[in-house]
Amino acid sequence: MPRRDLIFGCLVLTLLGLACAAPSAPNPLPVAELADACAGLDEMQCITSDECTLIFTEEEREYRCRAAEGRCERGFRQHEGDAEACEAKEGCRYVPGQCYCSPDVTCICGGGPPPQCVEAAADPES
């Protein structure tokens, strides 16, 4: 992604109340507005947001961006987040992506679920 597109994406996220740099304070947008804002993001914007989560739908075999749910997803950026960042939150566990390739990387493998930070007792497929 060209740098100006990334800067523009960050500006859009900032205007929507979503963070693009450091983790932000609690979401200032109502839940419905945040859901709409996340749904309008492209894949790269979604995985760099700490208020949105990219999921892979097995049925449609496509990616969907939705508002982050719960304390494990909120504040976790899938693009640069790792097990250490996720599991620093009590009760959260890291689920690595399976054959996921972010838009800014050229990969042999692609088309699988992205990394997730989930409740330790939660099933990552649900």
N, C-alpha and C. Protein backbone atom coordinates (compact mmCIF):
# COMPACT_ATOMS: atom_id res chain seq x y z
N MET A 1 0.85 -1.17 0.00
CA MET A 1 0.00 0.00 0.00
C MET A 1 0.90 1.23 0.00
N PRO A 2 0.68 2.18 -0.89
CA PRO A 2 1.49 3.39 -0.89
C PRO A 2 1.35 4.14 0.43
N ARG A 3 2.41 4.83 0.82
CA ARG A 3 2.44 5.54 2.09
C ARG A 3 1.30 6.54 2.21
N ARG A 4 0.99 7.26 1.13
CA ARG A 4 -0.08 8.26 1.24
C ARG A 4 -1.42 7.59 1.52
N ASP A 5 -1.65 6.38 0.99
CA ASP A 5 -2.90 5.66 1.28
C ASP A 5 -2.96 5.27 2.75
N LEU A 6 -1.82 4.86 3.31
CA LEU A 6 -1.77 4.51 4.72
C LEU A 6 -2.04 5.74 5.58
N ILE A 7 -1.44 6.88 5.20
CA ILE A 7 -1.67 8.12 5.95
C ILE A 7 -3.13 8.51 5.84
N PHE A 8 -3.70 8.42 4.64
CA PHE A 8 -5.12 8.74 4.47
C PHE A 8 -5.98 7.81 5.31
N GLY A 9 -5.65 6.52 5.32
CA GLY A 9 -6.41 5.56 6.13
C GLY A 9 -6.35 5.90 7.59
N CYS A 10 -5.18 6.31 8.08
CA CYS A 10 -5.03 6.71 9.47
C CYS A 10 -5.86 7.95 9.77
N LEU A 11 -5.87 8.90 8.83
CA LEU A 11 -6.67 10.10 9.01
C LEU A 11 -8.15 9.75 9.11
N VAL A 12 -8.62 8.87 8.22
CA VAL A 12 -10.02 8.44 8.25
C VAL A 12 -10.33 7.76 9.58
N LEU A 13 -9.44 6.86 10.02
CA LEU A 13 -9.66 6.17 11.29
C LEU A 13 -9.69 7.16 12.45
N THR A 14 -8.80 8.15 12.41
CA THR A 14 -8.77 9.15 13.47
C THR A 14 -10.06 9.94 13.49
N LEU A 15 -10.55 10.33 12.32
CA LEU A 15 -11.81 11.07 12.25
C LEU A 15 -12.99 10.24 12.72
N LEU A 16 -12.90 8.93 12.52
CA LEU A 16 -13.97 8.04 12.97
C LEU A 16 -13.85 7.74 14.46
N GLY A 17 -12.77 8.19 15.08
CA GLY A 17 -12.58 7.92 16.49
C GLY A 17 -11.83 6.63 16.74
N LEU A 18 -11.26 6.04 15.70
CA LEU A 18 -10.49 4.82 15.83
C LEU A 18 -9.02 5.18 15.86
N ALA A 19 -8.25 4.46 16.63
CA ALA A 19 -6.83 4.77 16.74
C ALA A 19 -6.05 4.23 15.56
N CYS A 20 -4.97 4.92 15.22
CA CYS A 20 -4.07 4.44 14.19
C CYS A 20 -2.65 4.42 14.73
N ALA A 21 -2.43 4.93 15.90
CA ALA A 21 -1.08 4.95 16.47
C ALA A 21 -1.10 4.19 17.80
N ALA A 22 -1.18 4.88 18.89
CA ALA A 22 -1.18 4.22 20.20
C ALA A 22 -2.59 3.78 20.55
N PRO A 23 -2.73 2.75 21.41
CA PRO A 23 -4.06 2.35 21.84
C PRO A 23 -4.81 3.54 22.42
N SER A 24 -6.08 3.61 22.10
CA SER A 24 -6.86 4.77 22.47
C SER A 24 -7.66 4.54 23.74
N ALA A 25 -8.28 5.60 24.16
CA ALA A 25 -9.21 5.54 25.29
C ALA A 25 -10.44 4.78 24.83
N PRO A 26 -11.35 4.48 25.73
CA PRO A 26 -12.57 3.77 25.31
C PRO A 26 -13.24 4.46 24.13
N ASN A 27 -13.85 3.65 23.30
CA ASN A 27 -14.46 4.09 22.06
C ASN A 27 -15.48 5.20 22.28
N PRO A 28 -15.30 6.36 21.59
CA PRO A 28 -16.25 7.46 21.75
C PRO A 28 -17.49 7.30 20.88
N LEU A 29 -17.48 6.38 19.92
CA LEU A 29 -18.63 6.18 19.03
C LEU A 29 -19.63 5.21 19.63
N PRO A 30 -20.91 5.45 19.41
CA PRO A 30 -21.90 4.45 19.82
C PRO A 30 -21.63 3.13 19.09
N VAL A 31 -22.04 2.02 19.68
CA VAL A 31 -21.76 0.70 19.14
C VAL A 31 -22.20 0.57 17.68
N ALA A 32 -23.40 1.02 17.36
CA ALA A 32 -23.90 0.90 15.99
C ALA A 32 -23.04 1.69 15.01
N GLU A 33 -22.59 2.88 15.40
CA GLU A 33 -21.74 3.68 14.52
C GLU A 33 -20.37 3.04 14.36
N LEU A 34 -19.83 2.46 15.43
CA LEU A 34 -18.54 1.78 15.33
C LEU A 34 -18.66 0.58 14.40
N ALA A 35 -19.75 -0.17 14.53
CA ALA A 35 -19.96 -1.34 13.65
C ALA A 35 -19.99 -0.90 12.20
N ASP A 36 -20.69 0.19 11.90
CA ASP A 36 -20.75 0.70 10.53
C ASP A 36 -19.38 1.18 10.07
N ALA A 37 -18.65 1.87 10.95
CA ALA A 37 -17.31 2.37 10.59
C ALA A 37 -16.38 1.21 10.28
N CYS A 38 -16.40 0.18 11.11
CA CYS A 38 -15.53 -0.98 10.87
C CYS A 38 -15.91 -1.70 9.59
N ALA A 39 -17.19 -1.86 9.34
CA ALA A 39 -17.65 -2.55 8.13
C ALA A 39 -17.20 -1.82 6.87
N GLY A 40 -16.95 -0.51 6.96
CA GLY A 40 -16.53 0.27 5.81
C GLY A 40 -15.03 0.28 5.57
N LEU A 41 -14.25 -0.33 6.46
CA LEU A 41 -12.80 -0.33 6.32
C LEU A 41 -12.34 -1.43 5.37
N ASP A 42 -11.22 -1.17 4.68
CA ASP A 42 -10.65 -2.23 3.87
C ASP A 42 -9.82 -3.14 4.80
N GLU A 43 -9.29 -4.20 4.25
CA GLU A 43 -8.58 -5.21 5.05
C GLU A 43 -7.41 -4.61 5.84
N MET A 44 -6.58 -3.81 5.19
CA MET A 44 -5.41 -3.23 5.85
C MET A 44 -5.82 -2.26 6.95
N GLN A 45 -6.80 -1.43 6.68
CA GLN A 45 -7.28 -0.49 7.70
C GLN A 45 -7.82 -1.26 8.90
N CYS A 46 -8.48 -2.36 8.65
CA CYS A 46 -9.07 -3.15 9.72
C CYS A 46 -7.99 -3.78 10.60
N ILE A 47 -6.98 -4.40 10.00
CA ILE A 47 -5.98 -5.11 10.81
C ILE A 47 -5.02 -4.17 11.53
N THR A 48 -5.03 -2.88 11.17
CA THR A 48 -4.20 -1.91 11.90
C THR A 48 -5.00 -1.12 12.93
N SER A 49 -6.29 -1.36 13.01
CA SER A 49 -7.15 -0.68 13.98
C SER A 49 -7.16 -1.45 15.30
N ASP A 50 -7.27 -0.73 16.40
CA ASP A 50 -7.41 -1.41 17.68
C ASP A 50 -8.86 -1.43 18.15
N GLU A 51 -9.76 -0.93 17.33
CA GLU A 51 -11.19 -0.94 17.65
C GLU A 51 -11.99 -1.86 16.72
N CYS A 52 -11.33 -2.40 15.70
CA CYS A 52 -11.98 -3.29 14.73
C CYS A 52 -11.20 -4.60 14.66
N THR A 53 -11.88 -5.65 14.22
CA THR A 53 -11.27 -6.97 14.10
C THR A 53 -11.62 -7.57 12.75
N LEU A 54 -10.61 -8.11 12.07
CA LEU A 54 -10.82 -8.78 10.80
C LEU A 54 -11.09 -10.25 11.08
N ILE A 55 -12.19 -10.76 10.54
CA ILE A 55 -12.51 -12.18 10.70
C ILE A 55 -12.62 -12.81 9.32
N PHE A 56 -12.43 -14.11 9.28
CA PHE A 56 -12.56 -14.88 8.05
C PHE A 56 -13.81 -15.72 8.18
N THR A 57 -14.74 -15.57 7.24
CA THR A 57 -15.96 -16.36 7.29
C THR A 57 -15.77 -17.61 6.45
N GLU A 58 -15.84 -18.75 7.10
CA GLU A 58 -15.65 -20.04 6.40
C GLU A 58 -16.72 -20.26 5.34
N GLU A 59 -17.96 -19.89 5.65
CA GLU A 59 -19.07 -20.13 4.72
C GLU A 59 -18.86 -19.41 3.39
N GLU A 60 -18.56 -18.09 3.48
CA GLU A 60 -18.40 -17.29 2.27
C GLU A 60 -16.95 -17.27 1.78
N ARG A 61 -16.03 -17.77 2.60
CA ARG A 61 -14.60 -17.77 2.28
C ARG A 61 -14.12 -16.36 1.96
N GLU A 62 -14.51 -15.40 2.84
CA GLU A 62 -14.11 -14.02 2.65
C GLU A 62 -13.82 -13.35 3.98
N TYR A 63 -13.17 -12.20 3.93
CA TYR A 63 -12.84 -11.44 5.12
C TYR A 63 -13.92 -10.40 5.37
N ARG A 64 -14.17 -10.16 6.66
CA ARG A 64 -15.16 -9.16 7.07
C ARG A 64 -14.57 -8.40 8.25
N CYS A 65 -14.73 -7.10 8.24
CA CYS A 65 -14.26 -6.26 9.34
C CYS A 65 -15.46 -5.92 10.21
N ARG A 66 -15.30 -6.14 11.50
CA ARG A 66 -16.37 -5.82 12.45
C ARG A 66 -15.76 -5.14 13.67
N ALA A 67 -16.62 -4.54 14.48
CA ALA A 67 -16.17 -3.90 15.71
C ALA A 67 -15.56 -4.96 16.63
N ALA A 68 -14.45 -4.60 17.28
CA ALA A 68 -13.81 -5.50 18.24
C ALA A 68 -14.79 -5.77 19.38
N GLU A 69 -14.81 -7.01 19.83
CA GLU A 69 -15.73 -7.41 20.91
C GLU A 69 -14.91 -7.89 22.10
N GLY A 70 -15.28 -7.47 23.26
CA GLY A 70 -14.64 -7.95 24.48
C GLY A 70 -13.27 -7.35 24.72
N ARG A 71 -12.77 -7.56 25.91
CA ARG A 71 -11.51 -6.95 26.32
C ARG A 71 -10.30 -7.52 25.60
N CYS A 72 -10.38 -8.74 25.10
CA CYS A 72 -9.23 -9.33 24.40
C CYS A 72 -9.06 -8.74 23.01
N GLU A 73 -10.13 -8.57 22.27
CA GLU A 73 -10.03 -8.00 20.92
C GLU A 73 -9.76 -6.51 20.96
N ARG A 74 -10.41 -5.78 21.89
CA ARG A 74 -10.23 -4.33 21.95
C ARG A 74 -8.78 -4.00 22.29
N GLY A 75 -8.19 -3.16 21.49
CA GLY A 75 -6.81 -2.74 21.72
C GLY A 75 -5.77 -3.64 21.09
N PHE A 76 -6.20 -4.77 20.51
CA PHE A 76 -5.26 -5.69 19.87
C PHE A 76 -5.27 -5.43 18.37
N ARG A 77 -4.12 -5.07 17.85
CA ARG A 77 -3.98 -4.81 16.41
C ARG A 77 -3.44 -6.06 15.73
N GLN A 78 -4.23 -6.63 14.88
CA GLN A 78 -3.87 -7.89 14.24
C GLN A 78 -2.61 -7.77 13.37
N HIS A 79 -2.36 -6.61 12.82
CA HIS A 79 -1.21 -6.46 11.92
C HIS A 79 0.11 -6.60 12.65
N GLU A 80 0.24 -5.95 13.80
CA GLU A 80 1.51 -6.03 14.52
C GLU A 80 1.39 -6.76 15.85
N GLY A 81 0.19 -7.13 16.23
CA GLY A 81 -0.01 -7.83 17.50
C GLY A 81 0.59 -9.22 17.48
N ASP A 82 1.06 -9.65 18.63
CA ASP A 82 1.65 -10.98 18.74
C ASP A 82 1.15 -11.63 20.03
N ALA A 83 1.63 -12.83 20.29
CA ALA A 83 1.20 -13.57 21.48
C ALA A 83 1.48 -12.77 22.75
N GLU A 84 2.63 -12.11 22.81
CA GLU A 84 3.00 -11.36 24.00
C GLU A 84 2.02 -10.21 24.26
N ALA A 85 1.67 -9.47 23.20
CA ALA A 85 0.74 -8.34 23.34
C ALA A 85 -0.65 -8.83 23.76
N CYS A 86 -1.08 -9.93 23.19
CA CYS A 86 -2.40 -10.47 23.51
C CYS A 86 -2.44 -11.03 24.93
N GLU A 87 -1.48 -11.88 25.24
CA GLU A 87 -1.52 -12.59 26.52
C GLU A 87 -1.08 -11.75 27.70
N ALA A 88 -0.67 -10.49 27.43
CA ALA A 88 -0.42 -9.54 28.51
C ALA A 88 -1.73 -9.16 29.19
N LYS A 89 -2.83 -9.38 28.49
CA LYS A 89 -4.16 -9.13 29.04
C LYS A 89 -4.60 -10.41 29.76
N GLU A 90 -4.92 -10.29 31.02
CA GLU A 90 -5.31 -11.47 31.81
C GLU A 90 -6.51 -12.16 31.18
N GLY A 91 -6.42 -13.49 31.05
CA GLY A 91 -7.52 -14.29 30.53
C GLY A 91 -7.62 -14.32 29.01
N CYS A 92 -6.61 -13.78 28.32
CA CYS A 92 -6.64 -13.76 26.86
C CYS A 92 -5.57 -14.70 26.32
N ARG A 93 -5.87 -15.29 25.16
CA ARG A 93 -4.88 -16.14 24.51
C ARG A 93 -4.80 -15.78 23.04
N TYR A 94 -3.63 -15.98 22.49
CA TYR A 94 -3.32 -15.65 21.10
C TYR A 94 -3.60 -16.86 20.22
N VAL A 95 -4.31 -16.64 19.14
CA VAL A 95 -4.56 -17.68 18.15
C VAL A 95 -3.89 -17.20 16.85
N PRO A 96 -2.77 -17.83 16.48
CA PRO A 96 -2.05 -17.37 15.27
C PRO A 96 -2.90 -17.57 14.02
N GLY A 97 -2.68 -16.75 13.05
CA GLY A 97 -3.40 -16.91 11.78
C GLY A 97 -2.97 -18.20 11.10
N GLN A 98 -3.84 -18.72 10.28
CA GLN A 98 -3.53 -19.93 9.51
C GLN A 98 -3.54 -19.57 8.04
N CYS A 99 -2.34 -19.45 7.49
CA CYS A 99 -2.18 -19.13 6.08
C CYS A 99 -2.79 -17.77 5.74
N TYR A 100 -2.70 -16.82 6.69
CA TYR A 100 -3.17 -15.46 6.44
C TYR A 100 -2.02 -14.63 5.88
N CYS A 101 -2.31 -13.80 4.90
CA CYS A 101 -1.31 -12.94 4.29
C CYS A 101 -1.87 -11.53 4.24
N SER A 102 -1.30 -10.61 5.04
CA SER A 102 -1.82 -9.25 5.05
C SER A 102 -1.54 -8.58 3.70
N PRO A 103 -2.33 -7.56 3.35
CA PRO A 103 -2.23 -6.93 2.03
C PRO A 103 -0.87 -6.31 1.73
N ASP A 104 -0.05 -6.04 2.75
CA ASP A 104 1.24 -5.39 2.51
C ASP A 104 2.39 -6.39 2.38
N VAL A 105 2.08 -7.68 2.27
CA VAL A 105 3.10 -8.73 2.19
C VAL A 105 2.77 -9.64 1.00
N THR A 106 3.81 -10.10 0.31
CA THR A 106 3.62 -11.08 -0.76
C THR A 106 3.88 -12.46 -0.16
N CYS A 107 2.92 -13.35 -0.26
CA CYS A 107 3.01 -14.67 0.36
C CYS A 107 2.68 -15.77 -0.64
N ILE A 108 3.20 -16.94 -0.36
CA ILE A 108 2.83 -18.13 -1.12
C ILE A 108 1.48 -18.61 -0.63
N CYS A 109 1.31 -18.57 0.68
CA CYS A 109 0.07 -19.02 1.31
C CYS A 109 -0.81 -17.80 1.58
N GLY A 110 -2.08 -17.94 1.44
CA GLY A 110 -3.01 -16.86 1.72
C GLY A 110 -4.43 -17.38 1.71
N GLY A 111 -5.34 -16.59 2.27
CA GLY A 111 -6.75 -16.95 2.25
C GLY A 111 -7.24 -17.65 3.49
N GLY A 112 -6.47 -17.59 4.57
CA GLY A 112 -6.90 -18.20 5.82
C GLY A 112 -7.23 -17.16 6.87
N PRO A 113 -7.63 -17.61 8.06
CA PRO A 113 -7.99 -16.68 9.12
C PRO A 113 -6.79 -15.90 9.65
N PRO A 114 -6.98 -14.61 9.97
CA PRO A 114 -5.91 -13.79 10.52
C PRO A 114 -5.69 -14.11 12.01
N PRO A 115 -4.59 -13.63 12.59
CA PRO A 115 -4.37 -13.83 14.02
C PRO A 115 -5.49 -13.19 14.83
N GLN A 116 -5.78 -13.78 15.97
CA GLN A 116 -6.84 -13.29 16.85
C GLN A 116 -6.35 -13.27 18.29
N CYS A 117 -6.93 -12.40 19.09
CA CYS A 117 -6.73 -12.38 20.54
C CYS A 117 -8.11 -12.66 21.13
N VAL A 118 -8.26 -13.81 21.78
CA VAL A 118 -9.58 -14.26 22.24
C VAL A 118 -9.56 -14.56 23.74
N GLU A 119 -10.75 -14.64 24.32
CA GLU A 119 -10.88 -15.06 25.70
C GLU A 119 -10.27 -16.45 25.81
N ALA A 120 -9.53 -16.71 26.88
CA ALA A 120 -8.82 -17.99 27.03
C ALA A 120 -9.75 -19.18 26.93
N ALA A 121 -10.98 -19.05 27.37
CA ALA A 121 -11.92 -20.16 27.33
C ALA A 121 -12.73 -20.19 26.03
N ALA A 122 -12.55 -19.18 25.16
CA ALA A 122 -13.36 -19.10 23.95
C ALA A 122 -12.81 -19.98 22.84
N ASP A 123 -13.69 -20.44 22.00
CA ASP A 123 -13.31 -21.20 20.82
C ASP A 123 -13.01 -20.19 19.71
N PRO A 124 -11.78 -20.18 19.11
CA PRO A 124 -11.45 -19.19 18.09
C PRO A 124 -12.29 -19.29 16.83
N GLU A 125 -12.98 -20.38 16.63
CA GLU A 125 -13.80 -20.55 15.43
C GLU A 125 -15.19 -19.95 15.60
N SER A 126 -15.56 -19.60 16.83
CA SER A 126 -16.92 -19.07 17.04
C SER A 126 -16.99 -17.59 16.88
